[in-house]
C-alpha atoms as a PDB file:
ATOM      1  CA  MET A   1     222.237  23.036 -40.555  1.00  0.00           C
ATOM      2  CA  ALA A   2     220.463  20.702 -38.732  1.00  0.00           C
ATOM      3  CA  GLN A   3     217.023  19.021 -39.897  1.00  0.00           C
ATOM      4  CA  TYR A   4     216.265  18.228 -36.572  1.00  0.00           C
ATOM      5  CA  VAL A   5     217.887  18.133 -33.007  1.00  0.00           C
ATOM      6  CA  PHE A   6     217.099  15.425 -30.487  1.00  0.00           C
ATOM      7  CA  GLY A   7     218.672  16.903 -27.250  1.00  0.00           C
ATOM      8  CA  ASP A   8     222.067  17.065 -28.241  1.00  0.00           C
ATOM      9  CA  PHE A   9     221.910  14.713 -31.571  1.00  0.00           C
ATOM     10  CA  LEU A  10     221.825  16.320 -34.830  1.00  0.00           C
ATOM     11  CA  PHE A  11     219.880  14.867 -37.954  1.00  0.00           C
ATOM     12  CA  SER A  12     221.944  16.702 -40.621  1.00  0.00           C
ATOM     13  CA  GLU A  13     223.703  16.104 -43.897  1.00  0.00           C
ATOM     14  CA  ARG A  14     226.842  17.817 -42.518  1.00  0.00           C
ATOM     15  CA  ASP A  15     227.230  15.247 -39.573  1.00  0.00           C
ATOM     16  CA  ASP A  16     226.499  12.321 -42.257  1.00  0.00           C
ATOM     17  CA  SER A  17     223.238  11.390 -40.417  1.00  0.00           C
ATOM     18  CA  PRO A  18     220.664  12.834 -42.484  1.00  0.00           C
ATOM     19  CA  LEU A  19     216.602  12.093 -42.411  1.00  0.00           C
ATOM     20  CA  TYR A  20     214.615  11.338 -45.509  1.00  0.00           C
ATOM     21  CA  SER A  21     210.934  11.233 -44.144  1.00  0.00           C
ATOM     22  CA  LEU A  22     208.960  11.887 -41.158  1.00  0.00           C
ATOM     23  CA  SER A  23     205.858  10.404 -39.686  1.00  0.00           C
ATOM     24  CA  ARG A  24     203.600  11.486 -37.116  1.00  0.00           C
ATOM     25  CA  SER A  25     200.598  10.188 -35.797  1.00  0.00           C
ATOM     26  CA  ALA A  26     198.004  11.783 -33.516  1.00  0.00           C
ATOM     27  CA  ASP A  27     194.428  10.643 -32.570  1.00  0.00           C
ATOM     28  CA  GLY A  28     191.697  12.319 -31.404  1.00  0.00           C
ATOM     29  CA  GLY A  29     190.918  11.101 -27.955  1.00  0.00           C
ATOM     30  CA  TRP A  30     187.837   9.222 -28.579  1.00  0.00           C
ATOM     31  CA  ILE A  31     186.858   5.772 -27.892  1.00  0.00           C
ATOM     32  CA  GLU A  32     183.724   3.647 -28.697  1.00  0.00           C
ATOM     33  CA  VAL A  33     182.126   2.389 -26.191  1.00  0.00           C
ATOM     34  CA  GLU A  34     179.973  -1.082 -27.083  1.00  0.00           C
ATOM     35  CA  LEU A  35     176.043  -0.766 -26.125  1.00  0.00           C
ATOM     36  CA  LEU A  36     173.821  -3.715 -25.926  1.00  0.00           C
ATOM     37  CA  ASN A  37     171.461  -3.986 -28.828  1.00  0.00           C
ATOM     38  CA  ARG A  38     172.694  -0.649 -30.347  1.00  0.00           C
ATOM     39  CA  LEU A  39     174.797   1.132 -32.206  1.00  0.00           C
ATOM     40  CA  PRO A  40     178.455   2.076 -30.400  1.00  0.00           C
ATOM     41  CA  MET A  41     178.462   5.464 -28.569  1.00  0.00           C
ATOM     42  CA  GLN A  42     181.473   7.222 -29.144  1.00  0.00           C
ATOM     43  CA  GLN A  43     183.022   9.004 -25.748  1.00  0.00           C
ATOM     44  CA  GLN A  44     186.035  11.653 -25.658  1.00  0.00           C
ATOM     45  CA  THR A  45     188.542  10.494 -23.209  1.00  0.00           C
ATOM     46  CA  GLY A  46     191.489  12.299 -23.993  1.00  0.00           C
ATOM     47  CA  ARG A  47     194.018  12.325 -26.693  1.00  0.00           C
ATOM     48  CA  LYS A  48     196.884   9.662 -26.485  1.00  0.00           C
ATOM     49  CA  LEU A  49     200.193  10.626 -26.799  1.00  0.00           C
ATOM     50  CA  ASP A  50     201.782  11.398 -30.344  1.00  0.00           C
ATOM     51  CA  GLN A  51     204.556   9.288 -32.335  1.00  0.00           C
ATOM     52  CA  ILE A  52     207.004  10.228 -34.655  1.00  0.00           C
ATOM     53  CA  THR A  53     209.324   8.172 -36.579  1.00  0.00           C
ATOM     54  CA  LEU A  54     211.988   9.442 -38.154  1.00  0.00           C
ATOM     55  CA  ARG A  55     213.746   7.505 -41.184  1.00  0.00           C
ATOM     56  CA  GLY A  56     217.605   8.029 -42.450  1.00  0.00           C
ATOM     57  CA  LEU A  57     219.897   6.553 -44.877  1.00  0.00           C
ATOM     58  CA  TRP A  58     223.275   6.817 -43.467  1.00  0.00           C
ATOM     59  CA  PHE A  59     226.719   5.802 -45.213  1.00  0.00           C
ATOM     60  CA  GLY A  60     229.941   4.474 -44.351  1.00  0.00           C
ATOM     61  CA  SER A  61     231.965   4.353 -40.863  1.00  0.00           C
ATOM     62  CA  LYS A  62     230.351   8.102 -39.991  1.00  0.00           C
ATOM     63  CA  GLY A  63     226.818   6.600 -40.243  1.00  0.00           C
ATOM     64  CA  GLN A  64     227.795   3.733 -38.153  1.00  0.00           C
ATOM     65  CA  GLN A  65     229.310   6.289 -35.221  1.00  0.00           C
ATOM     66  CA  SER A  66     225.708   8.184 -35.949  1.00  0.00           C
ATOM     67  CA  TYR A  67     223.884   4.920 -35.009  1.00  0.00           C
ATOM     68  CA  ASP A  68     226.239   4.237 -32.265  1.00  0.00           C
ATOM     69  CA  LYS A  69     225.405   7.755 -30.665  1.00  0.00           C
ATOM     70  CA  LEU A  70     221.804   6.915 -31.118  1.00  0.00           C
ATOM     71  CA  LEU A  71     222.415   3.777 -28.806  1.00  0.00           C
ATOM     72  CA  ALA A  72     224.238   5.795 -26.169  1.00  0.00           C
ATOM     73  CA  ILE A  73     220.848   7.932 -25.950  1.00  0.00           C
ATOM     74  CA  ARG A  74     218.522   5.123 -25.373  1.00  0.00           C
ATOM     75  CA  GLU A  75     220.982   4.029 -22.116  1.00  0.00           C
ATOM     76  CA  GLU A  76     220.403   7.283 -20.724  1.00  0.00           C
ATOM     77  CA  GLY A  77     216.690   6.652 -20.733  1.00  0.00           C
ATOM     78  CA  LYS A  78     215.462  10.468 -20.284  1.00  0.00           C
ATOM     79  CA  PRO A  79     213.082  12.306 -22.502  1.00  0.00           C
ATOM     80  CA  ARG A  80     214.971  14.993 -24.890  1.00  0.00           C
ATOM     81  CA  THR A  81     213.746  17.929 -26.547  1.00  0.00           C
ATOM     82  CA  LEU A  82     212.957  17.439 -30.382  1.00  0.00           C
ATOM     83  CA  VAL A  83     213.308  20.859 -32.388  1.00  0.00           C
ATOM     84  CA  ARG A  84     212.858  21.182 -36.079  1.00  0.00           C
ATOM     85  CA  SER A  85     215.685  23.209 -37.936  1.00  0.00           C
ATOM     86  CA  ASP A  86     213.345  26.609 -37.910  1.00  0.00           C
ATOM     87  CA  GLY A  87     213.686  26.588 -34.618  1.00  0.00           C
ATOM     88  CA  THR A  88     210.088  24.965 -33.916  1.00  0.00           C
ATOM     89  CA  ASN A  89     210.152  23.117 -30.530  1.00  0.00           C
ATOM     90  CA  LEU A  90     208.050  20.189 -30.915  1.00  0.00           C
ATOM     91  CA  GLY A  91     208.311  18.978 -27.286  1.00  0.00           C
ATOM     92  CA  ARG A  92     209.977  16.583 -25.006  1.00  0.00           C
ATOM     93  CA  PHE A  93     209.851  12.829 -26.302  1.00  0.00           C
ATOM     94  CA  THR A  94     211.119   9.478 -25.112  1.00  0.00           C
ATOM     95  CA  LEU A  95     213.201   6.731 -27.547  1.00  0.00           C
ATOM     96  CA  VAL A  96     210.599   3.983 -28.126  1.00  0.00           C
ATOM     97  CA  SER A  97     212.816   2.203 -31.084  1.00  0.00           C
ATOM     98  CA  ILE A  98     215.878   2.107 -33.358  1.00  0.00           C
ATOM     99  CA  ASP A  99     215.485  -0.011 -36.335  1.00  0.00           C
ATOM    100  CA  PHE A 100     218.610  -0.636 -38.158  1.00  0.00           C
ATOM    101  CA  GLN A 101     218.976  -2.141 -41.462  1.00  0.00           C
ATOM    102  CA  GLY A 102     222.650  -2.777 -42.675  1.00  0.00           C
ATOM    103  CA  ASP A 103     223.749  -3.461 -46.140  1.00  0.00           C
ATOM    104  CA  ARG A 104     226.860  -3.662 -47.847  1.00  0.00           C
ATOM    105  CA  MET A 105     229.155  -5.233 -45.438  1.00  0.00           C
ATOM    106  CA  VAL A 106     232.923  -5.087 -45.351  1.00  0.00           C
ATOM    107  CA  HIS A 107     235.805  -7.170 -44.221  1.00  0.00           C
ATOM    108  CA  ASN A 108     235.591  -5.148 -40.901  1.00  0.00           C
ATOM    109  CA  GLY A 109     232.033  -6.027 -40.238  1.00  0.00           C
ATOM    110  CA  ILE A 110     230.714  -2.463 -40.762  1.00  0.00           C
ATOM    111  CA  CYS A 111     227.934  -1.895 -42.914  1.00  0.00           C
ATOM    112  CA  MET A 112     228.425   0.739 -45.682  1.00  0.00           C
ATOM    113  CA  VAL A 113     224.842   1.586 -45.986  1.00  0.00           C
ATOM    114  CA  GLN A 114     222.136   2.174 -42.616  1.00  0.00           C
ATOM    115  CA  GLU A 115     219.091   2.589 -43.124  1.00  0.00           C
ATOM    116  CA  ILE A 116     217.442   3.854 -39.741  1.00  0.00           C
ATOM    117  CA  ALA A 117     214.081   4.062 -38.254  1.00  0.00           C
ATOM    118  CA  LEU A 118     213.768   6.174 -35.118  1.00  0.00           C
ATOM    119  CA  THR A 119     210.243   6.247 -33.147  1.00  0.00           C
ATOM    120  CA  LEU A 120     209.789   8.578 -30.471  1.00  0.00           C
ATOM    121  CA  LYS A 121     206.764   9.201 -28.310  1.00  0.00           C
ATOM    122  CA  GLU A 122     205.704  12.487 -26.673  1.00  0.00           C
ATOM    123  CA  PHE A 123     206.612  12.725 -23.133  1.00  0.00           C
ATOM    124  CA  SER A 124     203.869  13.894 -20.877  1.00  0.00           C
ATOM    125  CA  ASP A 125     204.823  15.171 -17.384  1.00  0.00           C
ATOM    126  CA  PRO A 126     201.915  16.251 -14.902  1.00  0.00           C
ATOM    127  CA  ASN A 127     204.508  17.851 -12.852  1.00  0.00           C
ATOM    128  CA  ILE A 128     205.243  20.137 -15.589  1.00  0.00           C
ATOM    129  CA  LYS A 129     202.102  21.115 -16.496  1.00  0.00           C
ATOM    130  CA  LYS A 130     200.885  21.832 -13.093  1.00  0.00           C
ATOM    131  CA  GLN A 131     204.119  23.979 -12.960  1.00  0.00           C
ATOM    132  CA  GLU A 132     203.157  25.996 -16.039  1.00  0.00           C
ATOM    133  CA  ARG A 133     199.823  26.736 -14.488  1.00  0.00           C
ATOM    134  CA  ASN A 134     201.152  27.864 -11.360  1.00  0.00           C
ATOM    135  CA  ASN A 135     203.661  30.193 -13.390  1.00  0.00           C
ATOM    136  CA  ALA A 136     200.859  31.514 -15.572  1.00  0.00           C
ATOM    137  CA  SER A 137     198.474  32.161 -12.188  1.00  0.00           C
ATOM    138  CA  HIS A 138     201.235  34.155 -10.685  1.00  0.00           C
ATOM    139  CA  GLN A 139     201.701  36.020 -13.784  1.00  0.00           C
ATOM    140  CA  ASN A 140     198.233  36.907 -14.213  1.00  0.00           C
ATOM    141  CA  ALA A 141     198.300  37.693 -10.181  1.00  0.00           C
ATOM    142  CA  SER A 142     201.128  40.273 -10.450  1.00  0.00           C
ATOM    143  CA  GLY A 143     200.022  41.818 -13.858  1.00  0.00           C
END
């Protein structure tokens, strides 16, 4: 069973690409506006895009193959859906960075231990939101 699925990439023990941690950052959409001779004022401007970092520890040549698959995903340059193993759709995300730390290198140059950190950023597409609103208004009008 996969822990997470990013598009068609499985993070799982079975596929030798398990994760050991997840961190997610989300802000409240507030900024501070500096005022002359007064305390700063806070203003709601809308939230920033969420960011998720997935960390894994992979082993052997299969771990290297999983890393190579992530590099291929990077080259596609398109957002992918992130789904948790319980079926929860976390939304669409873009690949911001892949950090790789290899250890225990053998004679052919492959590291037998690979620690990866994959940083994803929430993908915001105004056209999708507009389409969702249009679909909802059509459903309300017909219902």
